[in-house]
Amino acid sequence: MLVVGPKDGFSEELAENLKCGFVELDRRGFPDNEVCPRIMLDNGIKDEHVVLVNRMQRPTDPNRYLVELLLTIKNLRSLGVKKIDVVMAYFVYARQDRIFRKGEPLSIQYVLQLLKDAGASQVFSVSVHFQRNEGKLPAPIPAFSISGFPSIADYLKKLRLKNPIIIGPDKKSGQFAKEIADLMKCSSAYLEKKRDLDTGTIETKTKLDVSGRDVVIVDDIASSGSTLIHAIKNLKNPNRVICAVVHPVLTGDCLEKVSKKAEFIACNTIASPISKISVAARIAEFIKAV
């Protein structure tokens, strides 16, 4: 087994956990923004089992990222690699897991098909947006979602929180909150949220009394930060507020906006200033198990 990925700390950590070699992926491009990822080989890798790790950078560009990944998979196949396990820590286009309005694409399935057609053998991702439980995804290729919430729970246990409560900002994330709360042996709750599909406007109906308690608001993705901000506004008298997410997409002023209202932490599925929680060990364990 051999890990191929950029020298960003994450790829090397995964190789260390898998106890295997590492080959750098140089993420070079041209002035017109075309990508030309280069596998920095000293020797051939024909017949190797490769784990391709390519973590998306910020500012996020899912289109560039996806093309870069597809080109690298095809390149590995052209070099004679027999098995390619793709680690896409943050699965792009996963939010479009169904057709919400007539004429929209079923993006998640199309991306999975593209990965298969390019030559990927298996795909491993972390807390894929539409998948609430850890395990196999409905896909045209063996694909797995690995929960990032146990890693968040491990991190929170070290903070010595005061009578903590884990809160999901909506019903879906309430399941994430419960997963963490069960591991921490504390209580959980969720708020009622409604989002307008056309405007993106969020309305939160619930007010939650958390007087004197340390509150952790959890979600899978922080993009604009609006969901987290609305959740914070609907807490009554918290002692300490922490926002913890798996994927720090952090568009626009999300980082500054949320950080003014709460402590803000995330997993390292995307490189960012708040990516303090590593999921590399869990990914390695999962790859070795399957």
Protein backbone atom coordinates (compact mmCIF):
# COMPACT_ATOMS: atom_id res chain seq x y z
CA MET A 1 0.00 0.00 0.00
CA LEU A 2 1.15 3.53 -0.84
CA VAL A 3 -0.40 6.91 -0.01
CA VAL A 4 -0.32 9.52 -2.79
CA GLY A 5 -1.24 13.07 -1.77
CA PRO A 6 -0.06 16.65 -1.36
CA LYS A 7 2.42 17.51 1.39
CA ASP A 8 -0.13 19.17 3.65
CA GLY A 9 0.31 17.24 6.90
CA PHE A 10 -2.98 15.38 6.47
CA SER A 11 -1.70 12.99 3.78
CA GLU A 12 1.48 12.21 5.71
CA GLU A 13 -0.54 11.59 8.90
CA LEU A 14 -2.77 9.13 7.06
CA ALA A 15 0.29 7.32 5.65
CA GLU A 16 1.74 7.13 9.16
CA ASN A 17 -1.50 5.63 10.52
CA LEU A 18 -1.63 3.14 7.64
CA LYS A 19 2.07 2.35 8.20
CA CYS A 20 2.88 2.68 4.51
CA GLY A 21 4.97 4.75 2.10
CA PHE A 22 4.13 8.23 0.82
CA VAL A 23 4.46 9.85 -2.61
CA GLU A 24 3.83 13.57 -3.05
CA LEU A 25 1.14 14.91 -5.37
CA ASP A 26 2.20 18.33 -6.68
CA ARG A 27 -0.99 20.33 -7.17
CA ARG A 28 0.35 22.59 -9.90
CA GLY A 29 -1.71 24.56 -12.38
CA PHE A 30 -1.49 27.02 -15.25
CA PRO A 31 -2.15 30.80 -15.31
CA ASP A 32 -5.58 30.21 -16.88
CA ASN A 33 -6.52 28.06 -13.84
CA GLU A 34 -6.32 24.72 -15.63
CA VAL A 35 -4.91 22.07 -13.29
CA CYS A 36 -2.01 19.72 -13.95
CA PRO A 37 -1.48 17.55 -10.83
CA ARG A 38 1.86 15.72 -10.96
CA ILE A 39 2.73 12.50 -9.12
CA MET A 40 6.30 13.02 -7.89
CA LEU A 41 7.68 9.56 -8.61
CA ASP A 42 11.23 8.32 -8.15
CA ASN A 43 10.32 4.78 -9.13
CA GLY A 44 7.39 3.13 -10.87
CA ILE A 45 4.20 2.22 -9.02
CA LYS A 46 2.85 -0.42 -11.37
CA ASP A 47 0.64 -3.00 -9.62
CA GLU A 48 0.63 -0.95 -6.39
CA HIS A 49 -2.40 -0.48 -4.12
CA VAL A 50 -2.63 3.30 -3.88
CA VAL A 51 -4.60 5.37 -1.38
CA LEU A 52 -5.13 8.71 -3.11
CA VAL A 53 -5.63 11.54 -0.59
CA ASN A 54 -6.44 15.00 -1.86
CA ARG A 55 -7.83 17.35 0.76
CA MET A 56 -9.64 20.41 -0.55
CA GLN A 57 -8.03 23.74 0.27
CA ARG A 58 -9.52 27.11 1.18
CA PRO A 59 -10.82 29.21 -0.40
CA THR A 60 -12.81 26.19 -1.54
CA ASP A 61 -13.14 25.49 -5.25
CA PRO A 62 -15.05 22.21 -5.66
CA ASN A 63 -14.93 22.33 -9.45
CA ARG A 64 -11.13 22.64 -9.62
CA TYR A 65 -10.81 20.06 -6.84
CA LEU A 66 -12.98 17.48 -8.62
CA VAL A 67 -11.19 17.84 -11.97
CA GLU A 68 -7.81 17.55 -10.19
CA LEU A 69 -8.97 14.35 -8.49
CA LEU A 70 -10.35 12.78 -11.68
CA LEU A 71 -7.16 13.58 -13.62
CA THR A 72 -5.00 12.02 -10.89
CA ILE A 73 -7.08 8.83 -10.78
CA LYS A 74 -6.79 8.48 -14.56
CA ASN A 75 -3.06 9.20 -14.35
CA LEU A 76 -2.54 6.51 -11.69
CA ARG A 77 -4.36 4.00 -13.88
CA SER A 78 -2.17 4.95 -16.86
CA LEU A 79 0.89 4.22 -14.68
CA GLY A 80 -0.35 0.68 -14.03
CA VAL A 81 -1.85 1.03 -10.55
CA LYS A 82 -4.27 -1.86 -10.00
CA LYS A 83 -6.26 -0.58 -7.00
CA ILE A 84 -7.05 3.04 -6.13
CA ASP A 85 -8.78 3.88 -2.85
CA VAL A 86 -9.83 7.52 -2.96
CA VAL A 87 -9.99 9.49 0.29
CA MET A 88 -12.21 12.53 -0.30
CA ALA A 89 -12.43 13.82 3.26
CA TYR A 90 -15.08 16.38 2.29
CA PHE A 91 -17.33 14.96 -0.41
CA VAL A 92 -18.11 17.72 -2.87
CA TYR A 93 -21.65 18.05 -4.29
CA ALA A 94 -23.07 15.81 -1.52
CA ARG A 95 -25.67 18.41 -0.55
CA GLN A 96 -27.51 17.73 -3.81
CA ASP A 97 -28.43 14.15 -2.85
CA ARG A 98 -31.91 14.39 -4.34
CA ILE A 99 -33.75 16.49 -6.89
CA PHE A 100 -35.36 19.21 -4.79
CA ARG A 101 -36.82 21.10 -7.75
CA LYS A 102 -37.63 19.99 -11.28
CA GLY A 103 -34.66 20.20 -13.63
CA GLU A 104 -31.93 19.97 -10.98
CA PRO A 105 -29.10 17.39 -11.23
CA LEU A 106 -28.69 14.44 -8.86
CA SER A 107 -25.15 15.67 -8.23
CA ILE A 108 -23.93 13.19 -5.60
CA GLN A 109 -24.70 10.18 -7.81
CA TYR A 110 -23.15 11.82 -10.87
CA VAL A 111 -19.90 12.52 -8.99
CA LEU A 112 -19.74 8.94 -7.69
CA GLN A 113 -20.22 7.67 -11.25
CA LEU A 114 -17.45 9.99 -12.50
CA LEU A 115 -15.07 8.60 -9.85
CA LYS A 116 -15.92 5.04 -10.89
CA ASP A 117 -15.49 5.79 -14.60
CA ALA A 118 -12.12 7.47 -13.93
CA GLY A 119 -10.87 4.25 -12.30
CA ALA A 120 -11.42 4.56 -8.55
CA SER A 121 -11.82 1.21 -6.76
CA GLN A 122 -13.32 2.51 -3.51
CA VAL A 123 -14.18 5.89 -2.03
CA PHE A 124 -13.83 6.93 1.62
CA SER A 125 -15.29 10.17 2.93
CA VAL A 126 -16.13 11.74 6.29
CA SER A 127 -19.70 12.54 7.38
CA VAL A 128 -21.13 12.73 3.87
CA HIS A 129 -23.88 15.33 4.03
CA PHE A 130 -26.89 13.18 3.15
CA GLN A 131 -25.70 10.10 5.10
CA ARG A 132 -26.73 10.23 8.75
CA ASN A 133 -25.11 6.95 9.81
CA GLU A 134 -21.60 5.64 9.36
CA GLY A 135 -21.29 2.95 6.72
CA LYS A 136 -21.73 2.14 3.05
CA LEU A 137 -23.27 4.68 0.68
CA PRO A 138 -25.84 3.84 -2.01
CA ALA A 139 -23.45 4.20 -4.93
CA PRO A 140 -22.29 2.62 -8.23
CA ILE A 141 -18.91 1.97 -6.55
CA PRO A 142 -17.97 0.78 -3.03
CA ALA A 143 -18.17 4.05 -1.10
CA PHE A 144 -18.18 4.70 2.64
CA SER A 145 -19.07 7.55 4.99
CA ILE A 146 -16.96 7.64 8.17
CA SER A 147 -18.43 9.64 11.03
CA GLY A 148 -16.36 12.61 12.14
CA PHE A 149 -18.39 13.10 15.31
CA PRO A 150 -16.52 10.57 17.51
CA SER A 151 -13.36 12.60 16.85
CA ILE A 152 -15.21 15.75 17.95
CA ALA A 153 -16.43 13.96 21.08
CA ASP A 154 -12.86 12.89 21.95
CA TYR A 155 -11.71 16.51 21.62
CA LEU A 156 -14.57 17.88 23.73
CA LYS A 157 -13.91 15.38 26.54
CA LYS A 158 -10.57 17.10 27.14
CA LEU A 159 -12.16 20.53 27.69
CA ARG A 160 -13.73 19.79 31.10
CA LEU A 161 -17.05 21.34 30.18
CA LYS A 162 -19.53 22.45 32.84
CA ASN A 163 -22.80 20.45 32.74
CA PRO A 164 -22.56 20.30 28.93
CA ILE A 165 -25.44 19.99 26.50
CA ILE A 166 -24.87 19.15 22.84
CA ILE A 167 -27.26 20.91 20.48
CA GLY A 168 -28.10 20.41 16.83
CA PRO A 169 -29.23 23.60 15.05
CA ASP A 170 -31.96 21.60 13.24
CA LYS A 171 -33.63 18.21 13.38
CA LYS A 172 -31.10 16.49 11.10
CA SER A 173 -28.12 17.70 13.10
CA GLY A 174 -29.97 16.64 16.26
CA GLN A 175 -28.87 13.11 15.38
CA PHE A 176 -25.26 14.30 15.25
CA ALA A 177 -25.71 15.97 18.63
CA LYS A 178 -27.07 12.75 20.12
CA GLU A 179 -24.13 10.75 18.72
CA ILE A 180 -21.66 13.05 20.48
CA ALA A 181 -23.74 13.28 23.67
CA ASP A 182 -23.96 9.47 23.95
CA LEU A 183 -20.16 9.25 23.72
CA MET A 184 -19.74 12.03 26.31
CA LYS A 185 -22.55 10.73 28.54
CA CYS A 186 -24.40 14.06 28.60
CA SER A 187 -27.68 15.43 27.26
CA SER A 188 -28.57 16.63 23.77
CA ALA A 189 -31.31 18.61 22.04
CA TYR A 190 -32.06 20.22 18.69
CA LEU A 191 -33.73 23.37 17.43
CA GLU A 192 -36.48 23.60 14.82
CA LYS A 193 -35.16 25.28 11.66
CA LYS A 194 -36.79 26.06 8.35
CA ARG A 195 -34.83 27.16 5.25
CA ASP A 196 -36.37 28.77 2.15
CA LEU A 197 -35.00 26.79 -0.83
CA ASP A 198 -35.22 29.81 -3.13
CA THR A 199 -33.75 32.56 -0.93
CA GLY A 200 -31.72 30.51 1.60
CA THR A 201 -33.36 32.47 4.45
CA ILE A 202 -33.38 30.57 7.77
CA GLU A 203 -36.07 30.74 10.43
CA THR A 204 -35.52 29.11 13.84
CA LYS A 205 -38.66 28.61 15.90
CA THR A 206 -37.31 27.15 19.15
CA LYS A 207 -35.86 29.01 22.16
CA LEU A 208 -33.78 26.81 24.47
CA ASP A 209 -33.09 27.62 28.12
CA VAL A 210 -29.49 26.53 28.90
CA SER A 211 -28.90 28.72 31.94
CA GLY A 212 -25.41 28.27 33.40
CA ARG A 213 -24.52 25.36 31.10
CA ASP A 214 -21.71 24.94 28.58
CA VAL A 215 -23.30 24.50 25.16
CA VAL A 216 -21.78 22.80 22.12
CA ILE A 217 -23.60 23.42 18.83
CA VAL A 218 -22.66 20.74 16.30
CA ASP A 219 -23.21 20.32 12.59
CA ASP A 220 -21.60 18.53 9.67
CA ILE A 221 -20.83 21.63 7.58
CA ALA A 222 -20.19 25.31 8.31
CA SER A 223 -20.47 27.23 5.06
CA SER A 224 -21.99 30.70 5.43
CA GLY A 225 -22.35 30.25 9.20
CA SER A 226 -25.99 31.40 9.18
CA THR A 227 -27.30 28.17 10.70
CA LEU A 228 -24.84 28.38 13.61
CA ILE A 229 -25.53 32.06 14.23
CA HIS A 230 -29.28 31.46 14.33
CA ALA A 231 -28.76 28.62 16.80
CA ILE A 232 -26.62 30.82 19.08
CA LYS A 233 -29.29 33.54 19.05
CA ASN A 234 -31.88 31.03 20.25
CA LEU A 235 -30.00 30.01 23.41
CA LYS A 236 -31.07 31.50 26.75
CA ASN A 237 -28.30 32.31 29.26
CA PRO A 238 -25.53 29.88 28.23
CA ASN A 239 -22.30 29.81 30.28
CA ARG A 240 -19.98 28.98 27.38
CA VAL A 241 -20.78 28.40 23.71
CA ILE A 242 -18.71 26.24 21.37
CA CYS A 243 -19.52 25.59 17.71
CA ALA A 244 -18.00 22.34 16.44
CA VAL A 245 -18.32 21.13 12.84
CA VAL A 246 -16.81 18.38 10.74
CA HIS A 247 -16.27 20.34 7.52
CA PRO A 248 -15.08 23.99 7.77
CA VAL A 249 -16.05 25.23 4.29
CA LEU A 250 -16.18 28.78 5.73
CA THR A 251 -17.38 30.90 2.81
CA GLY A 252 -17.42 34.69 2.96
CA ASP A 253 -17.14 36.07 6.50
CA CYS A 254 -18.28 32.84 8.20
CA LEU A 255 -15.11 32.42 10.28
CA GLU A 256 -15.15 35.97 11.65
CA LYS A 257 -18.93 36.03 12.14
CA VAL A 258 -19.16 32.81 14.16
CA SER A 259 -15.91 33.40 16.07
CA LYS A 260 -17.35 36.65 17.47
CA LYS A 261 -20.25 34.74 19.01
CA ALA A 262 -18.63 31.46 20.11
CA GLU A 263 -15.51 29.34 20.25
CA PHE A 264 -15.23 27.79 16.80
CA ILE A 265 -13.55 24.43 16.11
CA ALA A 266 -13.60 21.89 13.28
CA CYS A 267 -12.15 18.65 11.99
CA ASN A 268 -9.26 18.75 9.53
CA THR A 269 -11.20 17.46 6.51
CA ILE A 270 -10.49 20.89 4.99
CA ALA A 271 -7.45 22.95 5.96
CA SER A 272 -8.47 26.05 7.95
CA PRO A 273 -7.44 28.07 11.03
CA ILE A 274 -9.98 26.16 13.15
CA SER A 275 -9.16 22.62 11.89
CA LYS A 276 -7.89 21.36 15.25
CA ILE A 277 -9.50 17.89 15.30
CA SER A 278 -7.81 15.17 13.25
CA VAL A 279 -9.84 12.44 11.56
CA ALA A 280 -6.85 10.73 9.91
CA ALA A 281 -6.66 7.90 12.45
CA ARG A 282 -10.36 7.05 12.05
CA ILE A 283 -10.05 7.03 8.25
CA ALA A 284 -7.02 4.71 8.48
CA GLU A 285 -8.88 2.33 10.82
CA PHE A 286 -11.81 2.20 8.42
CA ILE A 287 -9.62 1.55 5.35
CA LYS A 288 -7.81 -1.28 7.17
CA ALA A 289 -11.14 -2.80 8.28
CA VAL A 290 -12.60 -3.06 4.78
